[in-house]
Amino acid sequence: MLPLGLAVVRRYAAERAQLERSGRKKSDFDLMIACTAIEHEATLVTRDGALKDGAIGGLVVEDWLDSAP
């Protein structure tokens, strides 16, 4: 579990505004998880297609099941 600090909340606000301007919406939970990963310079491991679509700048995503043999 990573802390949800002021930097994460500010990133969330900026990303939410940018996504809305571009017409791309994300759920509040998805976006908060993504912003937490970005602020902590962490790779997000998920199968969630909404987070794997490249819409959130700076988010590094891996889907460990996609690379299964």
N, C-alpha and C. Protein backbone atom coordinates (compact mmCIF):
# COMPACT_ATOMS: atom_id res chain seq x y z
N MET A 1 0.84 -1.16 0.00
CA MET A 1 0.00 0.00 0.00
C MET A 1 0.89 1.23 0.00
N LEU A 2 0.62 2.16 -0.87
CA LEU A 2 1.39 3.40 -0.97
C LEU A 2 0.57 4.56 -0.42
N PRO A 3 1.24 5.55 0.17
CA PRO A 3 0.50 6.67 0.75
C PRO A 3 -0.13 7.56 -0.32
N LEU A 4 -1.26 8.13 0.04
CA LEU A 4 -1.98 9.04 -0.83
C LEU A 4 -1.76 10.45 -0.28
N GLY A 5 -0.75 11.12 -0.81
CA GLY A 5 -0.39 12.44 -0.30
C GLY A 5 -0.85 13.55 -1.23
N LEU A 6 -0.44 14.76 -0.89
CA LEU A 6 -0.83 15.94 -1.64
C LEU A 6 -0.34 15.89 -3.09
N ALA A 7 0.85 15.35 -3.31
CA ALA A 7 1.37 15.25 -4.67
C ALA A 7 0.49 14.35 -5.54
N VAL A 8 0.00 13.27 -4.96
CA VAL A 8 -0.88 12.35 -5.70
C VAL A 8 -2.20 13.05 -6.03
N VAL A 9 -2.74 13.76 -5.07
CA VAL A 9 -4.02 14.45 -5.27
C VAL A 9 -3.88 15.55 -6.34
N ARG A 10 -2.77 16.26 -6.32
CA ARG A 10 -2.54 17.29 -7.34
C ARG A 10 -2.38 16.66 -8.72
N ARG A 11 -1.67 15.57 -8.79
CA ARG A 11 -1.51 14.86 -10.07
C ARG A 11 -2.86 14.39 -10.57
N TYR A 12 -3.68 13.85 -9.66
CA TYR A 12 -5.02 13.39 -10.00
C TYR A 12 -5.83 14.52 -10.64
N ALA A 13 -5.82 15.69 -10.00
CA ALA A 13 -6.59 16.84 -10.50
C ALA A 13 -6.13 17.24 -11.90
N ALA A 14 -4.82 17.29 -12.09
CA ALA A 14 -4.28 17.67 -13.40
C ALA A 14 -4.63 16.63 -14.47
N GLU A 15 -4.47 15.36 -14.14
CA GLU A 15 -4.78 14.29 -15.10
C GLU A 15 -6.27 14.23 -15.41
N ARG A 16 -7.10 14.39 -14.40
CA ARG A 16 -8.56 14.39 -14.60
C ARG A 16 -8.94 15.50 -15.58
N ALA A 17 -8.41 16.71 -15.35
CA ALA A 17 -8.72 17.84 -16.23
C ALA A 17 -8.25 17.57 -17.66
N GLN A 18 -7.03 17.05 -17.81
CA GLN A 18 -6.50 16.76 -19.13
C GLN A 18 -7.33 15.70 -19.85
N LEU A 19 -7.69 14.66 -19.15
CA LEU A 19 -8.50 13.60 -19.76
C LEU A 19 -9.87 14.11 -20.17
N GLU A 20 -10.47 14.94 -19.34
CA GLU A 20 -11.79 15.48 -19.68
C GLU A 20 -11.70 16.40 -20.89
N ARG A 21 -10.63 17.21 -20.97
CA ARG A 21 -10.45 18.09 -22.14
C ARG A 21 -10.31 17.27 -23.42
N SER A 22 -9.67 16.13 -23.32
CA SER A 22 -9.45 15.31 -24.51
C SER A 22 -10.61 14.34 -24.78
N GLY A 23 -11.62 14.36 -23.91
CA GLY A 23 -12.79 13.50 -24.11
C GLY A 23 -12.58 12.06 -23.69
N ARG A 24 -11.54 11.80 -22.92
CA ARG A 24 -11.25 10.44 -22.45
C ARG A 24 -11.49 10.39 -20.96
N LYS A 25 -12.43 9.56 -20.55
CA LYS A 25 -12.76 9.47 -19.13
C LYS A 25 -12.18 8.21 -18.52
N LYS A 26 -11.86 8.32 -17.25
CA LYS A 26 -11.40 7.18 -16.44
C LYS A 26 -12.21 7.20 -15.16
N SER A 27 -12.39 6.04 -14.55
CA SER A 27 -13.08 6.02 -13.26
C SER A 27 -12.19 6.70 -12.22
N ASP A 28 -12.81 7.23 -11.19
CA ASP A 28 -12.06 7.90 -10.12
C ASP A 28 -11.02 6.95 -9.51
N PHE A 29 -11.42 5.71 -9.26
CA PHE A 29 -10.50 4.76 -8.65
C PHE A 29 -9.34 4.43 -9.57
N ASP A 30 -9.61 4.18 -10.85
CA ASP A 30 -8.53 3.89 -11.80
C ASP A 30 -7.54 5.05 -11.86
N LEU A 31 -8.06 6.26 -11.93
CA LEU A 31 -7.19 7.41 -12.05
C LEU A 31 -6.39 7.65 -10.77
N MET A 32 -6.99 7.43 -9.62
CA MET A 32 -6.26 7.62 -8.36
C MET A 32 -5.14 6.57 -8.23
N ILE A 33 -5.43 5.34 -8.62
CA ILE A 33 -4.41 4.29 -8.60
C ILE A 33 -3.27 4.65 -9.55
N ALA A 34 -3.61 5.11 -10.75
CA ALA A 34 -2.60 5.48 -11.73
C ALA A 34 -1.73 6.63 -11.22
N CYS A 35 -2.35 7.64 -10.66
CA CYS A 35 -1.60 8.81 -10.18
C CYS A 35 -0.71 8.44 -8.99
N THR A 36 -1.17 7.53 -8.17
CA THR A 36 -0.34 7.06 -7.05
C THR A 36 0.90 6.35 -7.59
N ALA A 37 0.73 5.50 -8.59
CA ALA A 37 1.87 4.80 -9.19
C ALA A 37 2.84 5.79 -9.82
N ILE A 38 2.34 6.77 -10.53
CA ILE A 38 3.21 7.76 -11.17
C ILE A 38 4.02 8.53 -10.13
N GLU A 39 3.36 9.03 -9.12
CA GLU A 39 4.04 9.84 -8.10
C GLU A 39 5.07 9.04 -7.31
N HIS A 40 4.87 7.74 -7.18
CA HIS A 40 5.82 6.90 -6.46
C HIS A 40 6.82 6.21 -7.41
N GLU A 41 6.78 6.63 -8.69
CA GLU A 41 7.66 6.07 -9.72
C GLU A 41 7.60 4.55 -9.73
N ALA A 42 6.38 4.04 -9.63
CA ALA A 42 6.16 2.59 -9.59
C ALA A 42 5.55 2.12 -10.91
N THR A 43 5.81 0.87 -11.23
CA THR A 43 5.17 0.22 -12.37
C THR A 43 3.87 -0.38 -11.87
N LEU A 44 2.79 -0.10 -12.58
CA LEU A 44 1.47 -0.63 -12.22
C LEU A 44 1.25 -1.94 -12.96
N VAL A 45 1.02 -3.01 -12.22
CA VAL A 45 0.74 -4.31 -12.80
C VAL A 45 -0.77 -4.51 -12.77
N THR A 46 -1.37 -4.61 -13.97
CA THR A 46 -2.82 -4.70 -14.07
C THR A 46 -3.24 -5.35 -15.38
N ARG A 47 -4.46 -5.86 -15.39
CA ARG A 47 -5.08 -6.34 -16.63
C ARG A 47 -6.17 -5.38 -17.08
N ASP A 48 -6.33 -4.28 -16.37
CA ASP A 48 -7.38 -3.29 -16.64
C ASP A 48 -7.07 -2.54 -17.94
N GLY A 49 -7.84 -2.81 -18.96
CA GLY A 49 -7.64 -2.18 -20.25
C GLY A 49 -7.73 -0.67 -20.22
N ALA A 50 -8.53 -0.14 -19.31
CA ALA A 50 -8.66 1.31 -19.19
C ALA A 50 -7.37 1.96 -18.73
N LEU A 51 -6.53 1.21 -18.04
CA LEU A 51 -5.25 1.75 -17.59
C LEU A 51 -4.12 1.41 -18.54
N LYS A 52 -4.35 0.49 -19.45
CA LYS A 52 -3.32 0.05 -20.39
C LYS A 52 -3.40 0.78 -21.73
N ASP A 53 -4.34 1.71 -21.87
CA ASP A 53 -4.58 2.33 -23.18
C ASP A 53 -3.65 3.49 -23.52
N GLY A 54 -2.75 3.88 -22.61
CA GLY A 54 -1.78 4.93 -22.90
C GLY A 54 -2.30 6.34 -22.73
N ALA A 55 -3.51 6.50 -22.23
CA ALA A 55 -4.10 7.83 -22.09
C ALA A 55 -3.52 8.64 -20.94
N ILE A 56 -2.90 7.98 -19.98
CA ILE A 56 -2.38 8.66 -18.80
C ILE A 56 -0.86 8.78 -18.95
N GLY A 57 -0.42 10.00 -19.20
CA GLY A 57 1.00 10.26 -19.43
C GLY A 57 1.86 9.90 -18.22
N GLY A 58 2.97 9.25 -18.48
CA GLY A 58 3.90 8.91 -17.41
C GLY A 58 3.61 7.62 -16.69
N LEU A 59 2.48 7.00 -16.99
CA LEU A 59 2.10 5.75 -16.32
C LEU A 59 2.79 4.57 -17.00
N VAL A 60 3.54 3.81 -16.21
CA VAL A 60 4.20 2.61 -16.71
C VAL A 60 3.36 1.42 -16.27
N VAL A 61 2.89 0.65 -17.24
CA VAL A 61 1.97 -0.46 -16.96
C VAL A 61 2.54 -1.76 -17.51
N GLU A 62 2.36 -2.81 -16.73
CA GLU A 62 2.69 -4.16 -17.18
C GLU A 62 1.50 -5.08 -16.91
N ASP A 63 1.28 -5.98 -17.83
CA ASP A 63 0.27 -7.02 -17.65
C ASP A 63 1.01 -8.35 -17.72
N TRP A 64 1.28 -8.90 -16.57
CA TRP A 64 2.09 -10.11 -16.50
C TRP A 64 1.42 -11.29 -17.18
N LEU A 65 0.13 -11.29 -17.32
CA LEU A 65 -0.56 -12.40 -17.96
C LEU A 65 -0.48 -12.31 -19.48
N ASP A 66 -0.29 -11.10 -20.04
CA ASP A 66 -0.14 -10.97 -21.49
C ASP A 66 1.17 -11.55 -21.97
N SER A 67 2.17 -11.59 -21.11
CA SER A 67 3.47 -12.10 -21.55
C SER A 67 3.68 -13.56 -21.15
N ALA A 68 2.61 -14.24 -20.77
CA ALA A 68 2.72 -15.66 -20.41
C ALA A 68 3.00 -16.48 -21.66
N PRO A 69 3.78 -17.55 -21.53
CA PRO A 69 4.13 -18.37 -22.71
C PRO A 69 2.92 -19.06 -23.33
